[in-house]
Protein backbone atom coordinates (compact mmCIF):
# COMPACT_ATOMS: atom_id res chain seq x y z
CA MET A 1 178.57 217.96 33.59
CA ALA A 2 182.73 217.20 34.21
CA TYR A 3 181.81 212.98 34.21
CA PHE A 4 179.47 212.97 31.44
CA SER A 5 181.80 214.30 29.70
CA PHE A 6 184.52 211.18 30.79
CA ALA A 7 181.01 209.02 29.51
CA ALA A 8 181.61 211.08 26.77
CA VAL A 9 185.06 210.66 26.15
CA PHE A 10 185.16 206.60 26.09
CA LEU A 11 181.80 205.97 24.33
CA VAL A 12 182.95 208.49 21.06
CA ILE A 13 187.01 205.73 21.48
CA ALA A 14 185.25 202.55 22.19
CA GLY A 15 182.44 203.58 19.35
CA ILE A 16 185.68 204.10 16.77
CA THR A 17 187.84 201.51 18.74
CA LEU A 18 185.26 199.14 17.82
CA ALA A 19 185.13 200.09 13.97
CA PHE A 20 188.61 199.62 13.79
CA VAL A 21 188.32 196.54 15.62
CA ARG A 22 185.29 195.55 12.95
CA ALA A 23 187.04 196.49 10.07
CA GLN A 24 190.48 194.67 10.45
CA LYS A 25 188.28 191.06 10.53
CA TRP A 26 187.49 191.60 14.17
CA ASP A 27 191.79 191.77 15.32
CA PHE A 28 192.11 192.94 18.88
CA PHE A 29 195.56 193.24 18.82
CA THR A 30 196.52 197.03 16.56
CA PRO A 31 198.61 200.25 17.65
CA HIS A 32 194.84 201.51 17.23
CA THR A 33 193.22 199.08 19.83
CA TYR A 34 196.58 199.11 22.24
CA GLN A 35 195.83 203.70 22.18
CA SER A 36 192.41 203.30 22.85
CA ALA A 37 193.32 201.20 25.65
CA PHE A 38 195.83 203.73 27.07
CA PHE A 39 193.24 206.59 26.03
CA VAL A 40 190.34 205.58 27.95
CA LEU A 41 192.18 203.91 30.57
CA LEU A 42 194.85 207.02 31.69
CA LEU A 43 192.48 210.12 29.98
CA VAL A 44 189.11 208.72 31.20
CA PHE A 45 189.30 206.81 33.53
CA PHE A 46 192.06 207.61 35.78
CA PRO A 47 191.21 210.60 36.32
CA ALA A 48 187.45 210.81 36.71
CA LEU A 49 189.03 208.09 40.08
CA GLN A 50 191.34 211.48 41.30
CA LEU A 51 187.48 213.22 40.86
CA ALA A 52 185.85 211.12 42.80
CA LEU A 53 188.12 210.47 45.38
CA GLY A 54 188.54 214.15 46.04
CA ASN A 55 192.15 214.26 44.57
CA PHE A 56 191.67 216.53 41.02
CA PRO A 57 190.14 219.84 41.29
CA GLU A 58 186.31 219.50 40.18
CA GLU A 59 187.00 222.32 38.15
CA THR A 60 184.31 221.72 35.10
CA LYS A 61 185.21 224.21 33.15
CA ALA A 62 188.91 222.71 32.30
CA ILE A 63 187.94 219.71 32.66
CA VAL A 64 185.42 219.63 29.12
CA LYS A 65 187.47 221.66 27.64
CA THR A 66 190.57 219.04 28.26
CA ASN A 67 188.47 216.43 27.51
CA PHE A 68 187.09 217.79 23.98
CA MET A 69 191.24 218.39 23.41
CA VAL A 70 191.21 214.58 23.94
CA LEU A 71 188.05 213.46 21.26
CA LEU A 72 189.36 215.78 18.98
CA TYR A 73 192.84 214.55 18.71
CA TYR A 74 191.90 211.47 19.31
CA CYS A 75 190.04 211.33 16.14
CA SER A 76 192.62 213.06 14.63
CA PHE A 77 194.76 210.13 15.73
CA SER A 78 192.42 207.34 14.59
CA LEU A 79 191.13 208.79 11.10
CA PRO A 80 194.28 207.48 8.97
CA PHE A 81 193.87 203.88 10.45
CA PHE A 82 190.35 203.97 8.34
CA LEU A 83 192.26 205.33 4.91
CA PHE A 84 195.53 203.57 4.75
CA ARG A 85 194.40 199.77 6.79
CA ARG A 86 194.85 197.12 5.45
CA SER A 87 193.34 193.61 6.82
CA PRO A 88 195.17 191.29 8.45
CA ALA A 89 196.98 188.03 6.86
CA ALA A 90 196.64 184.86 8.86
CA PHE A 91 199.10 184.71 12.31
CA GLY A 92 200.88 182.59 12.85
CA ALA A 93 202.50 181.06 9.47
CA LEU A 94 204.62 183.33 8.45
CA ARG A 95 207.94 180.87 9.91
CA GLN A 96 210.45 180.61 7.21
CA LYS A 97 212.22 177.35 7.27
CA GLY A 98 215.70 176.51 5.76
CA THR A 99 217.96 179.02 6.39
CA GLN A 100 220.65 178.31 7.78
CA HIS A 101 223.05 181.02 9.69
CA GLY A 102 221.95 179.80 13.29
CA ARG A 103 225.97 180.37 14.40
CA ARG A 104 225.97 183.60 13.05
CA VAL A 105 222.78 184.54 14.89
CA ASP A 106 225.03 183.05 17.84
CA VAL A 107 227.92 185.18 17.65
CA LEU A 108 225.56 188.87 17.12
CA VAL A 109 223.30 187.20 20.17
CA PHE A 110 226.92 186.97 22.25
CA LEU A 111 229.04 189.94 20.49
CA ALA A 112 224.97 192.00 21.61
CA LEU A 113 225.34 190.75 25.28
CA GLY A 114 229.17 191.25 25.62
CA GLY A 115 228.62 194.74 24.88
CA MET A 116 225.64 195.84 26.95
CA VAL A 117 227.91 194.14 30.38
CA VAL A 118 230.53 196.73 28.45
CA CYS A 119 228.72 199.67 28.58
CA TYR A 120 226.56 198.81 31.17
CA GLY A 121 230.15 198.16 33.47
CA LEU A 122 231.38 201.64 32.30
CA LEU A 123 227.89 203.72 33.07
CA THR A 124 228.28 202.25 36.59
CA TRP A 125 231.57 203.59 37.26
CA LEU A 126 231.68 205.99 36.01
CA SER A 127 228.31 207.41 36.92
CA GLY A 128 229.83 207.30 40.16
CA PHE A 129 227.29 204.90 41.66
CA GLY A 130 229.58 202.13 41.49
CA LEU A 131 227.94 198.60 40.30
CA ARG A 132 226.14 197.96 43.39
CA ASN A 133 224.33 200.51 44.33
CA TRP A 134 223.44 200.10 40.29
CA LEU A 135 221.92 196.38 41.28
CA LEU A 136 220.34 197.10 44.25
CA TYR A 137 219.14 200.45 43.60
CA PRO A 138 218.82 200.95 40.11
CA ARG A 139 215.63 203.30 40.30
CA LEU A 140 217.87 205.68 42.38
CA GLY A 141 220.69 204.89 39.19
CA LEU A 142 217.93 205.91 36.33
CA GLN A 143 217.24 209.13 38.02
CA PHE A 144 219.75 210.95 39.28
CA TYR A 145 223.16 209.37 37.93
CA ARG A 146 223.16 208.88 34.59
CA GLY A 147 223.57 212.39 33.60
CA GLY A 148 226.91 212.46 31.21
CA VAL A 149 226.55 208.67 30.95
CA GLY A 150 223.55 208.82 28.64
CA PRO A 151 224.85 207.16 25.55
CA LEU A 152 226.55 204.16 27.58
CA PHE A 153 223.19 204.28 28.99
CA VAL A 154 221.15 203.65 25.86
CA GLY A 155 224.33 201.58 24.29
CA ALA A 156 223.72 198.91 26.71
CA GLN A 157 219.15 199.50 26.49
CA LEU A 158 220.26 199.07 22.06
CA LEU A 159 222.01 195.90 22.60
CA LEU A 160 219.79 193.84 24.89
CA VAL A 161 217.03 194.77 22.96
CA SER A 162 219.28 193.46 19.98
CA ALA A 163 220.03 190.34 21.08
CA TYR A 164 216.61 189.37 22.80
CA PHE A 165 215.59 190.59 19.37
CA LEU A 166 217.82 187.91 17.98
CA ILE A 167 216.58 185.50 20.17
CA LEU A 168 212.87 185.86 19.87
CA PHE A 169 213.20 186.30 16.32
CA PHE A 170 215.71 183.35 15.25
CA ARG A 171 215.75 180.96 18.26
CA ALA A 172 212.52 180.63 20.11
CA LYS A 173 210.65 178.59 17.88
CA THR A 174 208.50 177.16 20.82
CA ALA A 175 205.85 178.69 23.19
CA LYS A 176 208.08 177.83 26.41
CA ALA A 177 211.59 178.75 24.66
CA ILE A 178 209.30 182.15 24.06
CA ALA A 179 208.44 182.31 27.72
CA ALA A 180 211.89 181.67 28.40
CA THR A 181 213.36 184.37 26.47
CA VAL A 182 211.21 187.01 27.87
CA VAL A 183 211.56 186.06 31.55
CA PHE A 184 215.56 186.50 31.00
CA PHE A 185 215.63 189.33 29.46
CA ALA A 186 213.15 191.26 31.26
CA PHE A 187 214.79 189.91 34.46
CA ILE A 188 218.61 191.95 33.15
CA ALA A 189 216.09 194.91 31.71
CA TYR A 190 214.91 195.53 35.01
CA PHE A 191 218.51 196.71 36.62
CA PHE A 192 217.60 199.52 34.26
CA GLY A 193 215.95 201.14 36.46
CA SER A 194 212.15 201.69 34.72
CA LYS A 195 209.67 199.92 34.87
CA GLY A 196 209.62 200.48 31.19
CA GLY A 197 212.04 197.59 30.60
CA PRO A 198 210.64 194.40 31.90
CA LEU A 199 207.49 195.71 30.46
CA TYR A 200 208.40 196.59 27.32
CA VAL A 201 209.81 193.18 27.11
CA GLY A 202 206.67 191.66 28.70
CA PHE A 203 204.85 193.07 25.86
CA SER A 204 207.10 191.95 22.44
CA GLY A 205 206.93 188.80 23.96
CA VAL A 206 203.33 188.68 23.95
CA ALA A 207 203.39 190.09 20.37
CA TYR A 208 205.74 188.16 18.99
CA TYR A 209 203.31 185.36 20.29
CA TYR A 210 200.42 187.04 19.03
CA PHE A 211 201.82 188.11 15.71
CA PHE A 212 203.69 184.18 14.44
CA PHE A 213 202.69 181.37 16.80
CA ARG A 214 199.59 181.78 17.47
CA ARG A 215 196.52 184.18 17.21
CA LEU A 216 195.11 185.07 20.85
CA SER A 217 191.44 184.81 21.67
CA LEU A 218 190.23 188.24 23.93
CA PRO A 219 190.21 186.58 26.25
CA LYS A 220 193.58 185.44 26.11
CA LEU A 221 195.09 189.12 25.32
CA ILE A 222 193.38 190.12 28.77
CA LEU A 223 194.54 188.58 31.03
CA ALA A 224 198.28 188.08 29.12
CA MET A 225 197.91 192.56 30.06
CA SER A 226 196.63 191.69 33.02
CA SER A 227 199.06 190.30 33.82
CA LEU A 228 201.33 192.79 32.33
CA ALA A 229 199.45 195.08 35.36
CA VAL A 230 200.47 193.13 37.63
CA ILE A 231 204.34 193.94 36.82
CA PHE A 232 203.72 197.61 36.71
CA ILE A 233 202.10 197.30 40.06
CA ILE A 234 204.92 194.76 41.60
CA LEU A 235 207.91 196.99 39.94
CA PHE A 236 205.87 200.50 41.64
CA GLN A 237 205.87 198.80 44.47
CA THR A 238 209.78 197.74 44.31
CA HIS A 239 210.63 201.69 43.31
CA ARG A 240 208.84 202.93 46.23
CA VAL A 241 210.86 200.23 48.49
CA GLN A 242 213.87 202.04 47.19
CA TRP A 243 212.82 205.57 47.09
CA GLN A 244 211.93 205.37 51.26
CA SER A 245 215.32 203.62 51.47
CA PHE A 246 217.10 206.33 50.27
CA LYS A 247 215.01 208.94 51.59
CA ASP A 248 216.22 207.03 54.51
CA ASN A 249 220.16 206.83 54.10
CA ILE A 250 220.26 210.21 51.60
CA ASP A 251 223.30 210.53 53.54
CA SER A 252 225.02 207.79 52.44
CA PHE A 253 224.77 208.17 49.02
CA PRO A 254 227.56 210.14 46.62
CA VAL A 255 226.43 213.15 45.19
CA PRO A 256 225.74 213.16 41.28
CA ARG A 257 227.16 215.58 39.51
CA TYR A 258 224.37 216.48 38.01
CA VAL A 259 221.74 217.03 40.11
CA ASP A 260 221.37 219.33 42.71
CA PHE A 261 221.45 216.77 45.55
CA GLN A 262 222.64 219.57 48.83
CA GLN A 263 218.99 220.41 50.07
CA LYS A 264 217.64 217.74 51.27
CA ASP A 265 214.46 218.89 52.10
CA TYR A 266 213.71 218.03 47.59
CA VAL A 267 212.70 214.84 48.28
CA LYS A 268 209.95 215.25 49.60
CA THR A 269 209.23 217.63 46.59
CA ALA A 270 210.32 214.84 44.53
CA MET A 271 208.06 212.08 46.01
CA GLY A 272 205.57 213.34 47.77
CA ASP A 273 203.69 211.83 50.29
CA GLU A 274 203.77 208.64 47.71
CA GLU A 275 205.44 206.13 51.17
CA GLU A 276 202.14 207.33 53.40
CA GLN A 277 199.66 206.51 50.31
CA SER A 278 198.68 202.33 49.71
CA THR A 279 200.08 200.81 47.14
CA SER A 280 197.02 201.10 44.98
CA HIS A 281 196.05 205.04 45.00
CA ALA A 282 200.00 205.85 45.13
CA VAL A 283 198.93 203.90 41.34
CA VAL A 284 195.95 206.17 40.98
CA SER A 285 197.90 208.70 41.64
CA TYR A 286 201.33 208.11 39.88
CA ALA A 287 199.01 208.38 36.50
CA ASP A 288 199.31 212.35 36.60
CA HIS A 289 198.99 212.33 32.87
CA TYR A 290 195.14 213.74 33.01
CA TYR A 291 196.81 216.36 35.86
CA TYR A 292 198.34 218.71 34.47
CA ALA A 293 197.41 218.24 30.49
CA CYS A 294 193.55 219.80 32.48
CA LEU A 295 195.85 222.60 34.84
CA PHE A 296 197.77 223.55 31.23
CA PHE A 297 194.81 223.71 29.12
CA ARG A 298 193.19 226.30 31.84
CA ASP A 299 195.65 227.95 32.24
CA PHE A 300 196.37 228.90 28.63
CA GLY A 301 195.81 232.50 28.12
CA ASP A 302 197.42 233.00 31.24
CA GLN A 303 200.25 231.50 31.90
CA PHE A 304 200.82 229.61 28.52
CA HIS A 305 200.36 231.61 24.63
CA LEU A 306 201.52 230.25 21.28
CA CYS A 307 204.89 229.38 21.05
CA TYR A 308 205.02 228.89 17.04
CA GLY A 309 207.18 226.40 16.82
CA ALA A 310 209.91 227.83 19.77
CA GLU A 311 209.18 224.91 22.43
CA TYR A 312 209.89 221.91 19.04
CA VAL A 313 212.94 224.32 18.24
CA ASN A 314 214.28 224.64 22.18
CA ALA A 315 213.42 220.39 22.59
CA LEU A 316 216.01 219.72 19.97
CA TRP A 317 218.06 219.06 22.89
CA THR A 318 216.88 215.71 23.26
CA TYR A 319 219.31 215.27 20.71
CA VAL A 320 222.70 216.99 22.22
CA PRO A 321 223.93 214.08 24.58
CA ARG A 322 225.32 216.13 28.18
CA PHE A 323 229.45 214.24 28.18
CA ILE A 324 229.24 216.54 24.65
CA TYR A 325 227.66 219.85 26.47
CA PRO A 326 227.86 219.80 29.59
CA GLU A 327 225.99 222.81 30.02
CA LYS A 328 222.72 221.23 28.74
CA PRO A 329 219.62 222.59 30.44
CA MET A 330 218.29 220.22 32.51
CA SER A 331 215.05 221.14 32.15
CA PHE A 332 213.72 221.50 27.55
CA GLY A 333 210.38 220.67 25.36
CA LEU A 334 207.59 220.55 27.38
CA THR A 335 209.66 220.67 30.35
CA GLU A 336 210.77 223.89 30.70
CA PHE A 337 207.44 225.62 28.60
CA VAL A 338 204.65 224.18 30.92
CA ILE A 339 205.94 221.92 34.01
CA GLU A 340 208.36 224.50 35.15
CA LYS A 341 205.76 226.99 35.28
CA TYR A 342 204.44 224.89 38.35
CA HIS A 343 207.06 223.16 39.94
CA PRO A 344 210.14 225.77 39.03
CA GLY A 345 213.47 223.86 39.91
CA LEU A 346 212.33 220.17 39.73
CA ALA A 347 213.83 219.23 36.98
CA ALA A 348 217.40 220.32 38.28
CA LYS A 349 216.85 218.45 40.96
CA GLY A 350 216.43 214.71 39.12
CA HIS A 351 212.97 214.41 38.84
CA GLY A 352 209.91 214.70 36.48
CA ARG A 353 206.58 215.43 35.50
CA VAL A 354 204.66 214.63 32.23
CA VAL A 355 201.90 216.22 30.39
CA GLY A 356 199.77 214.33 28.92
CA GLY A 357 201.48 212.07 28.86
CA LYS A 358 203.39 209.37 25.34
CA VAL A 359 199.30 209.23 24.36
CA PHE A 360 198.79 212.56 24.53
CA ARG A 361 201.21 215.06 25.07
CA ARG A 362 202.30 215.25 21.14
CA GLY A 363 198.93 216.92 20.65
CA ILE A 364 199.69 219.33 24.47
CA GLU A 365 203.16 220.28 22.66
CA GLY A 366 201.11 220.96 18.63
CA TYR A 367 198.79 223.41 21.28
CA LEU A 368 200.77 225.22 22.69
CA ASN A 369 203.10 225.49 19.52
CA PHE A 370 200.28 226.08 16.29
CA GLY A 371 196.66 225.93 18.92
CA VAL A 372 194.43 223.15 17.61
CA LEU A 373 195.28 223.18 14.41
CA GLY A 374 198.80 222.23 15.82
CA LEU A 375 197.11 219.20 17.79
CA VAL A 376 194.94 218.26 15.57
CA VAL A 377 198.48 218.34 12.86
CA ALA A 378 199.82 215.65 15.38
CA GLY A 379 197.55 214.11 16.03
CA LEU A 380 197.32 212.64 11.99
CA VAL A 381 200.58 212.81 11.36
CA LYS A 382 200.72 209.98 14.98
CA GLY A 383 198.35 208.56 12.99
CA VAL A 384 200.05 208.27 9.42
CA PHE A 385 203.44 206.78 10.73
CA ALA A 386 201.45 203.98 13.38
CA ALA A 387 198.90 203.25 10.88
CA LEU A 388 202.25 203.01 8.27
CA ALA A 389 204.40 200.95 10.21
CA TYR A 390 200.56 199.06 10.82
CA ARG A 391 200.16 198.19 7.50
CA SER A 392 204.02 198.10 6.86
CA PHE A 393 203.79 194.97 9.39
CA LEU A 394 201.36 193.31 7.90
CA ALA A 395 202.93 192.78 4.51
CA ASN A 396 206.72 192.02 5.07
CA ARG A 397 205.92 190.77 8.83
CA ASP A 398 209.84 191.03 9.50
CA MET A 399 212.25 191.83 12.58
CA VAL A 400 212.31 195.71 11.77
CA SER A 401 208.52 196.60 10.72
CA PHE A 402 207.96 194.54 14.24
CA ALA A 403 209.78 197.38 16.24
CA LEU A 404 208.54 199.78 14.48
CA VAL A 405 204.92 198.88 15.01
CA LEU A 406 206.41 198.68 18.46
CA PHE A 407 208.13 201.49 19.08
CA MET A 408 204.98 204.34 16.73
CA MET A 409 202.51 202.48 19.56
CA ASP A 410 204.29 204.30 22.35
CA PHE A 411 205.32 201.38 23.88
CA VAL A 412 209.23 202.34 24.59
CA TRP A 413 211.91 201.73 27.40
CA PHE A 414 214.72 203.67 25.39
CA THR A 415 215.60 206.64 27.04
CA CYS A 416 217.25 207.70 23.07
CA PRO A 417 215.36 210.51 20.94
CA GLY A 418 212.79 208.64 18.23
CA ALA A 419 214.86 209.70 15.52
CA LEU A 420 217.78 207.91 16.93
CA LEU A 421 215.92 204.84 17.65
CA VAL A 422 214.82 204.59 14.71
CA ALA A 423 218.36 205.07 13.22
CA TRP A 424 219.98 202.16 15.29
CA LEU A 425 216.54 200.03 13.91
CA ALA A 426 217.69 200.73 9.65
CA LEU A 427 221.70 200.31 10.75
CA PHE A 428 221.22 196.93 12.74
CA ALA A 429 219.08 196.13 9.74
CA MET A 430 221.98 196.52 7.00
CA ALA A 431 223.58 195.00 9.51
CA LEU A 432 221.68 191.80 8.97
CA LYS A 433 222.09 191.79 6.14
CA PHE A 434 225.41 192.20 5.21
CA LEU A 435 225.93 189.31 6.94
CA GLY A 436 223.26 187.18 4.95
CA ILE A 437 220.79 187.10 7.91
CA GLY A 438 217.32 187.38 7.07
CA LEU A 439 214.85 189.66 8.86
CA VAL A 440 212.06 186.98 9.04
CA PRO A 441 211.71 184.95 11.34
CA ASN A 442 213.00 181.30 10.81
CA GLU A 443 212.96 177.69 11.55
CA ASP A 444 216.85 176.13 10.70
């Protein structure tokens, strides 16, 4: 019955996705298609594989209930894409000619990269981890030493991506130039410690090429996404090596200010037995998005009850910088209301777990607050914003709508709250307008 429910989820998602792709004149590269692929990968394929490998509790009732909720959320998310559908124009034909602001763009790129270097330098110093450690062990820096210097970390991220987009939109005029830009900025993004950094740069480069240069065929799209998957595995293995080095030399690392670093046995709590696993087995185990969602629905009514908005209020701690209020709790939102039930104190040790992942997290959050109605509304709201952002992008094809679509696709790298990211995009767009720089890519 459990495997049958996974198969049913896959067939429904595949059917709705093909219907939307057909309505979009067989355009496979859309926010909806992207989300559908990750629903299948993270909430169908990986959990079914974990179940087959014996790494997943075979509780048929909980699995069937979870799969039903996944489908309900997915259908709610998909509906707005059909209601606000817009047929895509010809891709690769919107590059404008004749603008004369190349020097201003170069100055902005220089200022953005310079600001990024300053923020990153201050980050390495004030965090207490040091420049050498940040460069050698960026994953550990992100995990344990970012507390209290978060604004510098986010500022460096935003400035780096601003420079990246400026070069991508206004200076990269050939496929080779796009590739070189992607490689350069992906390399820099690696030193922020997140797998999402290089992947974000790579994915946005593919998206830019697709929308502004040449529409890729489905086989070429699959090849591009497969390349990103290979990069993910390389980054995953690199971070495992850093974790192992940390585990073997824990006494040589400075003590973080905001992480419970005194108990050495917490390393095993945070890492489990990942280092003894093969890379492929560790990757499958790493995708635990469905696992905690299943535990949540299994235990709802026992350990969890409707909180009628209390979790949403508690999640507002996200917007409070720790350097302003050092007493900010280490766990809040879903981490406080769900994960702490299964791993008490884990967040205070610099490690966390994800309930539902990026694709299903809002659904879990809606259900925890307002039940099935909350889950459906969460899916509809996410779908409306994503569909309208994509519709706006197809109409305008500019830098801000491009960045907004990437954000709505949940392909984000930034550690700042979404509302602050949108505010940054608005300020960035106004600054470009003030300087007389258009938002549409051009050929000088």
